Amino acid sequence: MKQLQPVRPYNGKTSWRTFKLYFERVAKINSWVTEQEKVQALALALEPPATDLLRDFEDGSPTAWNDLWSTIEKRFGSVDEARTAQRSFDNHKQLDSESLQEF
């Protein structure tokens, strides 16, 4: 009998995109084929404050899988944006031809 791989918890403090890629790998390894199986496993992997997303969530909906990821993206997408902006700022160097205003 195949032993299921546990899904590490997600609380929204890290990139939701990275977590989605990770979750999809675990789902494949665990042979979660239906979207309903994946929705249930994803819901169990959420920790506060991410669990707040489940409060009004309809997990029986035919679009539940996409709806849940869309909700996660809307709620935690800014984590990725802020990190990307900070990285871009940190890596940017003033060019010799750039004025201070352009920089």
PDB file of N, CA and C in Angstrom:
ATOM      1  N   MET A   1       0.841  -1.183   0.000  1.00  0.00           N
ATOM      2  CA  MET A   1       0.000   0.000   0.000  1.00  0.00           C
ATOM      3  C   MET A   1       0.887   1.249   0.000  1.00  0.00           C
ATOM      4  N   LYS A   2       0.560   2.174  -0.862  1.00  0.00           N
ATOM      5  CA  LYS A   2       1.325   3.411  -1.000  1.00  0.00           C
ATOM      6  C   LYS A   2       1.009   4.360   0.152  1.00  0.00           C
ATOM      7  N   GLN A   3       2.052   4.910   0.742  1.00  0.00           N
ATOM      8  CA  GLN A   3       1.873   5.865   1.829  1.00  0.00           C
ATOM      9  C   GLN A   3       1.757   7.271   1.251  1.00  0.00           C
ATOM     10  N   LEU A   4       0.720   7.995   1.666  1.00  0.00           N
ATOM     11  CA  LEU A   4       0.499   9.355   1.182  1.00  0.00           C
ATOM     12  C   LEU A   4       1.536  10.306   1.757  1.00  0.00           C
ATOM     13  N   GLN A   5       1.956  11.230   0.915  1.00  0.00           N
ATOM     14  CA  GLN A   5       2.879  12.271   1.343  1.00  0.00           C
ATOM     15  C   GLN A   5       2.077  13.405   1.970  1.00  0.00           C
ATOM     16  N   PRO A   6       2.455  13.844   3.156  1.00  0.00           N
ATOM     17  CA  PRO A   6       1.721  14.951   3.781  1.00  0.00           C
ATOM     18  C   PRO A   6       2.004  16.263   3.052  1.00  0.00           C
ATOM     19  N   VAL A   7       1.046  17.152   3.097  1.00  0.00           N
ATOM     20  CA  VAL A   7       1.203  18.482   2.508  1.00  0.00           C
ATOM     21  C   VAL A   7       1.614  19.426   3.631  1.00  0.00           C
ATOM     22  N   ARG A   8       2.687  20.165   3.394  1.00  0.00           N
ATOM     23  CA  ARG A   8       3.081  21.121   4.424  1.00  0.00           C
ATOM     24  C   ARG A   8       2.024  22.226   4.492  1.00  0.00           C
ATOM     25  N   PRO A   9       1.835  22.797   5.655  1.00  0.00           N
ATOM     26  CA  PRO A   9       0.795  23.811   5.823  1.00  0.00           C
ATOM     27  C   PRO A   9       1.108  25.108   5.084  1.00  0.00           C
ATOM     28  N   TYR A  10       0.053  25.841   4.756  1.00  0.00           N
ATOM     29  CA  TYR A  10       0.182  27.147   4.115  1.00  0.00           C
ATOM     30  C   TYR A  10      -0.624  28.161   4.905  1.00  0.00           C
ATOM     31  N   ASN A  11       0.034  29.289   5.258  1.00  0.00           N
ATOM     32  CA  ASN A  11      -0.652  30.316   6.044  1.00  0.00           C
ATOM     33  C   ASN A  11      -0.712  31.676   5.349  1.00  0.00           C
ATOM     34  N   GLY A  12      -0.149  31.754   4.144  1.00  0.00           N
ATOM     35  CA  GLY A  12      -0.206  33.004   3.397  1.00  0.00           C
ATOM     36  C   GLY A  12       1.006  33.891   3.559  1.00  0.00           C
ATOM     37  N   LYS A  13       1.964  33.501   4.375  1.00  0.00           N
ATOM     38  CA  LYS A  13       3.144  34.335   4.603  1.00  0.00           C
ATOM     39  C   LYS A  13       4.214  34.131   3.537  1.00  0.00           C
ATOM     40  N   THR A  14       4.072  33.108   2.737  1.00  0.00           N
ATOM     41  CA  THR A  14       5.019  32.848   1.662  1.00  0.00           C
ATOM     42  C   THR A  14       4.287  32.918   0.329  1.00  0.00           C
ATOM     43  N   SER A  15       5.003  32.784  -0.729  1.00  0.00           N
ATOM     44  CA  SER A  15       4.437  32.885  -2.069  1.00  0.00           C
ATOM     45  C   SER A  15       3.359  31.833  -2.314  1.00  0.00           C
ATOM     46  N   TRP A  16       2.188  32.281  -2.709  1.00  0.00           N
ATOM     47  CA  TRP A  16       1.114  31.335  -3.008  1.00  0.00           C
ATOM     48  C   TRP A  16       1.438  30.567  -4.287  1.00  0.00           C
ATOM     49  N   ARG A  17       2.161  31.195  -5.219  1.00  0.00           N
ATOM     50  CA  ARG A  17       2.526  30.512  -6.466  1.00  0.00           C
ATOM     51  C   ARG A  17       3.469  29.337  -6.197  1.00  0.00           C
ATOM     52  N   THR A  18       4.432  29.572  -5.342  1.00  0.00           N
ATOM     53  CA  THR A  18       5.369  28.503  -4.979  1.00  0.00           C
ATOM     54  C   THR A  18       4.630  27.379  -4.275  1.00  0.00           C
ATOM     55  N   PHE A  19       3.720  27.739  -3.375  1.00  0.00           N
ATOM     56  CA  PHE A  19       2.946  26.722  -2.681  1.00  0.00           C
ATOM     57  C   PHE A  19       2.067  25.938  -3.653  1.00  0.00           C
ATOM     58  N   LYS A  20       1.490  26.613  -4.636  1.00  0.00           N
ATOM     59  CA  LYS A  20       0.639  25.924  -5.610  1.00  0.00           C
ATOM     60  C   LYS A  20       1.448  24.890  -6.396  1.00  0.00           C
ATOM     61  N   LEU A  21       2.640  25.267  -6.837  1.00  0.00           N
ATOM     62  CA  LEU A  21       3.495  24.316  -7.553  1.00  0.00           C
ATOM     63  C   LEU A  21       3.834  23.121  -6.672  1.00  0.00           C
ATOM     64  N   TYR A  22       4.172  23.403  -5.422  1.00  0.00           N
ATOM     65  CA  TYR A  22       4.476  22.344  -4.463  1.00  0.00           C
ATOM     66  C   TYR A  22       3.252  21.442  -4.263  1.00  0.00           C
ATOM     67  N   PHE A  23       2.093  22.062  -4.039  1.00  0.00           N
ATOM     68  CA  PHE A  23       0.883  21.293  -3.796  1.00  0.00           C
ATOM     69  C   PHE A  23       0.553  20.394  -4.986  1.00  0.00           C
ATOM     70  N   GLU A  24       0.691  20.910  -6.187  1.00  0.00           N
ATOM     71  CA  GLU A  24       0.396  20.119  -7.380  1.00  0.00           C
ATOM     72  C   GLU A  24       1.336  18.918  -7.509  1.00  0.00           C
ATOM     73  N   ARG A  25       2.588  19.076  -7.089  1.00  0.00           N
ATOM     74  CA  ARG A  25       3.519  17.930  -7.093  1.00  0.00           C
ATOM     75  C   ARG A  25       3.082  16.876  -6.089  1.00  0.00           C
ATOM     76  N   VAL A  26       2.715  17.311  -4.891  1.00  0.00           N
ATOM     77  CA  VAL A  26       2.256  16.373  -3.862  1.00  0.00           C
ATOM     78  C   VAL A  26       0.978  15.680  -4.316  1.00  0.00           C
ATOM     79  N   ALA A  27       0.063  16.422  -4.939  1.00  0.00           N
ATOM     80  CA  ALA A  27      -1.186  15.833  -5.431  1.00  0.00           C
ATOM     81  C   ALA A  27      -0.903  14.749  -6.459  1.00  0.00           C
ATOM     82  N   LYS A  28       0.060  14.994  -7.320  1.00  0.00           N
ATOM     83  CA  LYS A  28       0.424  14.000  -8.337  1.00  0.00           C
ATOM     84  C   LYS A  28       1.015  12.752  -7.679  1.00  0.00           C
ATOM     85  N   ILE A  29       1.921  12.949  -6.735  1.00  0.00           N
ATOM     86  CA  ILE A  29       2.533  11.822  -6.025  1.00  0.00           C
ATOM     87  C   ILE A  29       1.478  11.016  -5.272  1.00  0.00           C
ATOM     88  N   ASN A  30       0.514  11.725  -4.666  1.00  0.00           N
ATOM     89  CA  ASN A  30      -0.532  11.068  -3.886  1.00  0.00           C
ATOM     90  C   ASN A  30      -1.684  10.541  -4.741  1.00  0.00           C
ATOM     91  N   SER A  31      -1.597  10.734  -6.048  1.00  0.00           N
ATOM     92  CA  SER A  31      -2.627  10.279  -6.992  1.00  0.00           C
ATOM     93  C   SER A  31      -3.995  10.880  -6.703  1.00  0.00           C
ATOM     94  N   TRP A  32      -3.994  12.147  -6.320  1.00  0.00           N
ATOM     95  CA  TRP A  32      -5.260  12.855  -6.176  1.00  0.00           C
ATOM     96  C   TRP A  32      -5.653  13.305  -7.563  1.00  0.00           C
ATOM     97  N   VAL A  33      -6.634  12.638  -8.132  1.00  0.00           N
ATOM     98  CA  VAL A  33      -6.990  12.862  -9.522  1.00  0.00           C
ATOM     99  C   VAL A  33      -8.121  13.872  -9.654  1.00  0.00           C
ATOM    100  N   THR A  34      -9.141  13.723  -8.847  1.00  0.00           N
ATOM    101  CA  THR A  34     -10.294  14.602  -8.992  1.00  0.00           C
ATOM    102  C   THR A  34     -10.045  15.951  -8.326  1.00  0.00           C
ATOM    103  N   GLU A  35     -10.699  16.944  -8.848  1.00  0.00           N
ATOM    104  CA  GLU A  35     -10.579  18.273  -8.259  1.00  0.00           C
ATOM    105  C   GLU A  35     -11.150  18.290  -6.848  1.00  0.00           C
ATOM    106  N   GLN A  36     -12.164  17.476  -6.598  1.00  0.00           N
ATOM    107  CA  GLN A  36     -12.754  17.409  -5.261  1.00  0.00           C
ATOM    108  C   GLN A  36     -11.742  16.882  -4.239  1.00  0.00           C
ATOM    109  N   GLU A  37     -10.967  15.867  -4.609  1.00  0.00           N
ATOM    110  CA  GLU A  37      -9.921  15.352  -3.717  1.00  0.00           C
ATOM    111  C   GLU A  37      -8.886  16.436  -3.431  1.00  0.00           C
ATOM    112  N   LYS A  38      -8.509  17.158  -4.473  1.00  0.00           N
ATOM    113  CA  LYS A  38      -7.504  18.204  -4.314  1.00  0.00           C
ATOM    114  C   LYS A  38      -8.028  19.365  -3.467  1.00  0.00           C
ATOM    115  N   VAL A  39      -9.279  19.729  -3.655  1.00  0.00           N
ATOM    116  CA  VAL A  39      -9.879  20.811  -2.861  1.00  0.00           C
ATOM    117  C   VAL A  39      -9.858  20.438  -1.380  1.00  0.00           C
ATOM    118  N   GLN A  40     -10.256  19.206  -1.075  1.00  0.00           N
ATOM    119  CA  GLN A  40     -10.289  18.776   0.322  1.00  0.00           C
ATOM    120  C   GLN A  40      -8.891  18.767   0.931  1.00  0.00           C
ATOM    121  N   ALA A  41      -7.902  18.265   0.193  1.00  0.00           N
ATOM    122  CA  ALA A  41      -6.526  18.229   0.693  1.00  0.00           C
ATOM    123  C   ALA A  41      -5.974  19.643   0.874  1.00  0.00           C
ATOM    124  N   LEU A  42      -6.270  20.525  -0.067  1.00  0.00           N
ATOM    125  CA  LEU A  42      -5.808  21.904   0.031  1.00  0.00           C
ATOM    126  C   LEU A  42      -6.448  22.599   1.226  1.00  0.00           C
ATOM    127  N   ALA A  43      -7.727  22.394   1.419  1.00  0.00           N
ATOM    128  CA  ALA A  43      -8.421  23.003   2.550  1.00  0.00           C
ATOM    129  C   ALA A  43      -7.808  22.541   3.875  1.00  0.00           C
ATOM    130  N   LEU A  44      -7.413  21.281   3.950  1.00  0.00           N
ATOM    131  CA  LEU A  44      -6.787  20.764   5.171  1.00  0.00           C
ATOM    132  C   LEU A  44      -5.385  21.311   5.382  1.00  0.00           C
ATOM    133  N   ALA A  45      -4.734  21.740   4.315  1.00  0.00           N
ATOM    134  CA  ALA A  45      -3.369  22.264   4.413  1.00  0.00           C
ATOM    135  C   ALA A  45      -3.333  23.725   4.854  1.00  0.00           C
ATOM    136  N   LEU A  46      -4.459  24.406   4.817  1.00  0.00           N
ATOM    137  CA  LEU A  46      -4.476  25.821   5.181  1.00  0.00           C
ATOM    138  C   LEU A  46      -4.426  26.008   6.693  1.00  0.00           C
ATOM    139  N   GLU A  47      -3.639  26.985   7.113  1.00  0.00           N
ATOM    140  CA  GLU A  47      -3.529  27.373   8.517  1.00  0.00           C
ATOM    141  C   GLU A  47      -3.926  28.838   8.642  1.00  0.00           C
ATOM    142  N   PRO A  48      -4.307  29.266   9.848  1.00  0.00           N
ATOM    143  CA  PRO A  48      -4.630  30.676  10.018  1.00  0.00           C
ATOM    144  C   PRO A  48      -3.461  31.562   9.603  1.00  0.00           C
ATOM    145  N   PRO A  49      -3.711  32.666   8.970  1.00  0.00           N
ATOM    146  CA  PRO A  49      -4.982  33.277   8.621  1.00  0.00           C
ATOM    147  C   PRO A  49      -5.588  32.761   7.315  1.00  0.00           C
ATOM    148  N   ALA A  50      -4.901  31.858   6.610  1.00  0.00           N
ATOM    149  CA  ALA A  50      -5.419  31.363   5.327  1.00  0.00           C
ATOM    150  C   ALA A  50      -6.731  30.601   5.500  1.00  0.00           C
ATOM    151  N   THR A  51      -6.968  30.029   6.665  1.00  0.00           N
ATOM    152  CA  THR A  51      -8.222  29.295   6.886  1.00  0.00           C
ATOM    153  C   THR A  51      -9.439  30.204   6.820  1.00  0.00           C
ATOM    154  N   ASP A  52      -9.230  31.505   7.001  1.00  0.00           N
ATOM    155  CA  ASP A  52     -10.348  32.451   6.901  1.00  0.00           C
ATOM    156  C   ASP A  52     -10.996  32.408   5.521  1.00  0.00           C
ATOM    157  N   LEU A  53     -10.239  31.998   4.508  1.00  0.00           N
ATOM    158  CA  LEU A  53     -10.769  31.917   3.151  1.00  0.00           C
ATOM    159  C   LEU A  53     -11.869  30.865   3.027  1.00  0.00           C
ATOM    160  N   LEU A  54     -11.873  29.907   3.931  1.00  0.00           N
ATOM    161  CA  LEU A  54     -12.836  28.810   3.855  1.00  0.00           C
ATOM    162  C   LEU A  54     -14.182  29.157   4.486  1.00  0.00           C
ATOM    163  N   ARG A  55     -14.244  30.286   5.161  1.00  0.00           N
ATOM    164  CA  ARG A  55     -15.451  30.654   5.899  1.00  0.00           C
ATOM    165  C   ARG A  55     -16.706  30.645   5.016  1.00  0.00           C
ATOM    166  N   ASP A  56     -16.657  31.270   3.866  1.00  0.00           N
ATOM    167  CA  ASP A  56     -17.817  31.338   2.964  1.00  0.00           C
ATOM    168  C   ASP A  56     -17.583  30.541   1.690  1.00  0.00           C
ATOM    169  N   PHE A  57     -16.619  29.659   1.713  1.00  0.00           N
ATOM    170  CA  PHE A  57     -16.245  28.909   0.522  1.00  0.00           C
ATOM    171  C   PHE A  57     -17.157  27.700   0.337  1.00  0.00           C
ATOM    172  N   GLU A  58     -17.635  27.500  -0.893  1.00  0.00           N
ATOM    173  CA  GLU A  58     -18.501  26.372  -1.229  1.00  0.00           C
ATOM    174  C   GLU A  58     -17.648  25.286  -1.879  1.00  0.00           C
ATOM    175  N   ASP A  59     -17.250  24.291  -1.087  1.00  0.00           N
ATOM    176  CA  ASP A  59     -16.341  23.268  -1.608  1.00  0.00           C
ATOM    177  C   ASP A  59     -17.027  22.239  -2.496  1.00  0.00           C
ATOM    178  N   GLY A  60     -18.343  22.251  -2.561  1.00  0.00           N
ATOM    179  CA  GLY A  60     -19.066  21.316  -3.412  1.00  0.00           C
ATOM    180  C   GLY A  60     -19.336  21.850  -4.813  1.00  0.00           C
ATOM    181  N   SER A  61     -18.951  23.080  -5.057  1.00  0.00           N
ATOM    182  CA  SER A  61     -19.169  23.706  -6.357  1.00  0.00           C
ATOM    183  C   SER A  61     -18.332  23.010  -7.437  1.00  0.00           C
ATOM    184  N   PRO A  62     -18.855  22.922  -8.665  1.00  0.00           N
ATOM    185  CA  PRO A  62     -18.076  22.306  -9.745  1.00  0.00           C
ATOM    186  C   PRO A  62     -16.804  23.087 -10.082  1.00  0.00           C
ATOM    187  N   THR A  63     -16.747  24.346  -9.702  1.00  0.00           N
ATOM    188  CA  THR A  63     -15.561  25.171  -9.984  1.00  0.00           C
ATOM    189  C   THR A  63     -14.735  25.424  -8.718  1.00  0.00           C
ATOM    190  N   ALA A  64     -14.953  24.625  -7.693  1.00  0.00           N
ATOM    191  CA  ALA A  64     -14.324  24.852  -6.382  1.00  0.00           C
ATOM    192  C   ALA A  64     -12.798  24.900  -6.458  1.00  0.00           C
ATOM    193  N   TRP A  65     -12.187  24.026  -7.248  1.00  0.00           N
ATOM    194  CA  TRP A  65     -10.725  23.975  -7.350  1.00  0.00           C
ATOM    195  C   TRP A  65     -10.167  25.310  -7.840  1.00  0.00           C
ATOM    196  N   ASN A  66     -10.685  25.788  -8.951  1.00  0.00           N
ATOM    197  CA  ASN A  66     -10.234  27.074  -9.496  1.00  0.00           C
ATOM    198  C   ASN A  66     -10.636  28.235  -8.596  1.00  0.00           C
ATOM    199  N   ASP A  67     -11.821  28.145  -8.011  1.00  0.00           N
ATOM    200  CA  ASP A  67     -12.300  29.212  -7.134  1.00  0.00           C
ATOM    201  C   ASP A  67     -11.403  29.372  -5.910  1.00  0.00           C
ATOM    202  N   LEU A  68     -10.978  28.244  -5.338  1.00  0.00           N
ATOM    203  CA  LEU A  68     -10.144  28.317  -4.143  1.00  0.00           C
ATOM    204  C   LEU A  68      -8.779  28.932  -4.458  1.00  0.00           C
ATOM    205  N   TRP A  69      -8.167  28.527  -5.560  1.00  0.00           N
ATOM    206  CA  TRP A  69      -6.878  29.121  -5.930  1.00  0.00           C
ATOM    207  C   TRP A  69      -7.035  30.591  -6.277  1.00  0.00           C
ATOM    208  N   SER A  70      -8.131  30.944  -6.906  1.00  0.00           N
ATOM    209  CA  SER A  70      -8.384  32.346  -7.232  1.00  0.00           C
ATOM    210  C   SER A  70      -8.521  33.176  -5.952  1.00  0.00           C
ATOM    211  N   THR A  71      -9.205  32.626  -4.969  1.00  0.00           N
ATOM    212  CA  THR A  71      -9.375  33.305  -3.683  1.00  0.00           C
ATOM    213  C   THR A  71      -8.033  33.458  -2.973  1.00  0.00           C
ATOM    214  N   ILE A  72      -7.220  32.415  -3.005  1.00  0.00           N
ATOM    215  CA  ILE A  72      -5.887  32.474  -2.398  1.00  0.00           C
ATOM    216  C   ILE A  72      -5.047  33.546  -3.086  1.00  0.00           C
ATOM    217  N   GLU A  73      -5.108  33.575  -4.418  1.00  0.00           N
ATOM    218  CA  GLU A  73      -4.339  34.579  -5.162  1.00  0.00           C
ATOM    219  C   GLU A  73      -4.786  35.995  -4.809  1.00  0.00           C
ATOM    220  N   LYS A  74      -6.096  36.220  -4.740  1.00  0.00           N
ATOM    221  CA  LYS A  74      -6.602  37.553  -4.422  1.00  0.00           C
ATOM    222  C   LYS A  74      -6.184  37.985  -3.021  1.00  0.00           C
ATOM    223  N   ARG A  75      -6.206  37.049  -2.086  1.00  0.00           N
ATOM    224  CA  ARG A  75      -5.904  37.384  -0.695  1.00  0.00           C
ATOM    225  C   ARG A  75      -4.399  37.518  -0.442  1.00  0.00           C
ATOM    226  N   PHE A  76      -3.599  36.652  -1.034  1.00  0.00           N
ATOM    227  CA  PHE A  76      -2.175  36.607  -0.716  1.00  0.00           C
ATOM    228  C   PHE A  76      -1.259  36.984  -1.873  1.00  0.00           C
ATOM    229  N   GLY A  77      -1.819  37.425  -2.979  1.00  0.00           N
ATOM    230  CA  GLY A  77      -1.004  37.818  -4.125  1.00  0.00           C
ATOM    231  C   GLY A  77      -0.063  38.959  -3.823  1.00  0.00           C
ATOM    232  N   SER A  78      -0.440  39.828  -2.906  1.00  0.00           N
ATOM    233  CA  SER A  78       0.401  40.977  -2.573  1.00  0.00           C
ATOM    234  C   SER A  78       1.707  40.554  -1.910  1.00  0.00           C
ATOM    235  N   VAL A  79       1.746  39.371  -1.299  1.00  0.00           N
ATOM    236  CA  VAL A  79       2.992  38.875  -0.705  1.00  0.00           C
ATOM    237  C   VAL A  79       4.044  38.747  -1.798  1.00  0.00           C
ATOM    238  N   ASP A  80       3.649  38.162  -2.934  1.00  0.00           N
ATOM    239  CA  ASP A  80       4.575  37.998  -4.049  1.00  0.00           C
ATOM    240  C   ASP A  80       4.968  39.343  -4.641  1.00  0.00           C
ATOM    241  N   GLU A  81       4.002  40.227  -4.809  1.00  0.00           N
ATOM    242  CA  GLU A  81       4.268  41.521  -5.423  1.00  0.00           C
ATOM    243  C   GLU A  81       5.229  42.350  -4.588  1.00  0.00           C
ATOM    244  N   ALA A  82       5.037  42.367  -3.293  1.00  0.00           N
ATOM    245  CA  ALA A  82       5.915  43.147  -2.423  1.00  0.00           C
ATOM    246  C   ALA A  82       7.331  42.588  -2.455  1.00  0.00           C
ATOM    247  N   ARG A  83       7.462  41.283  -2.414  1.00  0.00           N
ATOM    248  CA  ARG A  83       8.785  40.656  -2.441  1.00  0.00           C
ATOM    249  C   ARG A  83       9.482  40.938  -3.767  1.00  0.00           C
ATOM    250  N   THR A  84       8.746  40.851  -4.863  1.00  0.00           N
ATOM    251  CA  THR A  84       9.309  41.105  -6.187  1.00  0.00           C
ATOM    252  C   THR A  84       9.749  42.560  -6.308  1.00  0.00           C
ATOM    253  N   ALA A  85       8.943  43.474  -5.835  1.00  0.00           N
ATOM    254  CA  ALA A  85       9.287  44.898  -5.892  1.00  0.00           C
ATOM    255  C   ALA A  85      10.525  45.182  -5.048  1.00  0.00           C
ATOM    256  N   GLN A  86      10.613  44.595  -3.876  1.00  0.00           N
ATOM    257  CA  GLN A  86      11.774  44.809  -3.004  1.00  0.00           C
ATOM    258  C   GLN A  86      13.038  44.255  -3.654  1.00  0.00           C
ATOM    259  N   ARG A  87      12.947  43.076  -4.244  1.00  0.00           N
ATOM    260  CA  ARG A  87      14.095  42.463  -4.908  1.00  0.00           C
ATOM    261  C   ARG A  87      14.552  43.325  -6.086  1.00  0.00           C
ATOM    262  N   SER A  88      13.589  43.826  -6.858  1.00  0.00           N
ATOM    263  CA  SER A  88      13.907  44.686  -7.996  1.00  0.00           C
ATOM    264  C   SER A  88      14.596  45.961  -7.523  1.00  0.00           C
ATOM    265  N   PHE A  89      14.096  46.550  -6.467  1.00  0.00           N
ATOM    266  CA  PHE A  89      14.683  47.773  -5.915  1.00  0.00           C
ATOM    267  C   PHE A  89      16.102  47.514  -5.419  1.00  0.00           C
ATOM    268  N   ASP A  90      16.275  46.420  -4.674  1.00  0.00           N
ATOM    269  CA  ASP A  90      17.598  46.087  -4.123  1.00  0.00           C
ATOM    270  C   ASP A  90      18.629  45.824  -5.209  1.00  0.00           C
ATOM    271  N   ASN A  91      18.206  45.266  -6.324  1.00  0.00           N
ATOM    272  CA  ASN A  91      19.130  44.893  -7.386  1.00  0.00           C
ATOM    273  C   ASN A  91      19.409  46.007  -8.390  1.00  0.00           C
ATOM    274  N   HIS A  92      18.643  47.072  -8.323  1.00  0.00           N
ATOM    275  CA  HIS A  92      18.805  48.151  -9.291  1.00  0.00           C
ATOM    276  C   HIS A  92      19.970  49.063  -8.907  1.00  0.00           C
ATOM    277  N   LYS A  93      20.825  49.321  -9.849  1.00  0.00           N
ATOM    278  CA  LYS A  93      21.970  50.210  -9.646  1.00  0.00           C
ATOM    279  C   LYS A  93      21.844  51.406 -10.593  1.00  0.00           C
ATOM    280  N   GLN A  94      22.248  52.550 -10.104  1.00  0.00           N
ATOM    281  CA  GLN A  94      22.197  53.751 -10.929  1.00  0.00           C
ATOM    282  C   GLN A  94      23.257  53.659 -12.021  1.00  0.00           C
ATOM    283  N   LEU A  95      22.812  53.865 -13.248  1.00  0.00           N
ATOM    284  CA  LEU A  95      23.735  53.864 -14.383  1.00  0.00           C
ATOM    285  C   LEU A  95      24.468  55.189 -14.450  1.00  0.00           C
ATOM    286  N   ASP A  96      25.658  55.172 -15.060  1.00  0.00           N
ATOM    287  CA  ASP A  96      26.434  56.400 -15.198  1.00  0.00           C
ATOM    288  C   ASP A  96      25.658  57.465 -15.974  1.00  0.00           C
ATOM    289  N   SER A  97      24.863  57.024 -16.927  1.00  0.00           N
ATOM    290  CA  SER A  97      24.119  57.956 -17.771  1.00  0.00           C
ATOM    291  C   SER A  97      22.788  58.394 -17.141  1.00  0.00           C
ATOM    292  N   GLU A  98      22.422  57.839 -15.992  1.00  0.00           N
ATOM    293  CA  GLU A  98      21.146  58.168 -15.342  1.00  0.00           C
ATOM    294  C   GLU A  98      21.315  59.326 -14.374  1.00  0.00           C
ATOM    295  N   SER A  99      20.366  60.248 -14.434  1.00  0.00           N
ATOM    296  CA  SER A  99      20.351  61.307 -13.417  1.00  0.00           C
ATOM    297  C   SER A  99      19.716  60.716 -12.164  1.00  0.00           C
ATOM    298  N   LEU A 100      19.820  61.426 -11.067  1.00  0.00           N
ATOM    299  CA  LEU A 100      19.232  60.959  -9.807  1.00  0.00           C
ATOM    300  C   LEU A 100      17.717  60.811  -9.938  1.00  0.00           C
ATOM    301  N   GLN A 101      17.077  61.744 -10.672  1.00  0.00           N
ATOM    302  CA  GLN A 101      15.636  61.683 -10.869  1.00  0.00           C
ATOM    303  C   GLN A 101      15.235  60.450 -11.689  1.00  0.00           C
ATOM    304  N   GLU A 102      16.037  60.141 -12.697  1.00  0.00           N
ATOM    305  CA  GLU A 102      15.737  58.961 -13.521  1.00  0.00           C
ATOM    306  C   GLU A 102      15.942  57.672 -12.743  1.00  0.00           C
ATOM    307  N   PHE A 103      16.957  57.681 -11.893  1.00  0.00           N
ATOM    308  CA  PHE A 103      17.245  56.516 -11.093  1.00  0.00           C
ATOM    309  C   PHE A 103      16.082  56.232 -10.176  1.00  0.00           C
TER     310      PHE A 103
END
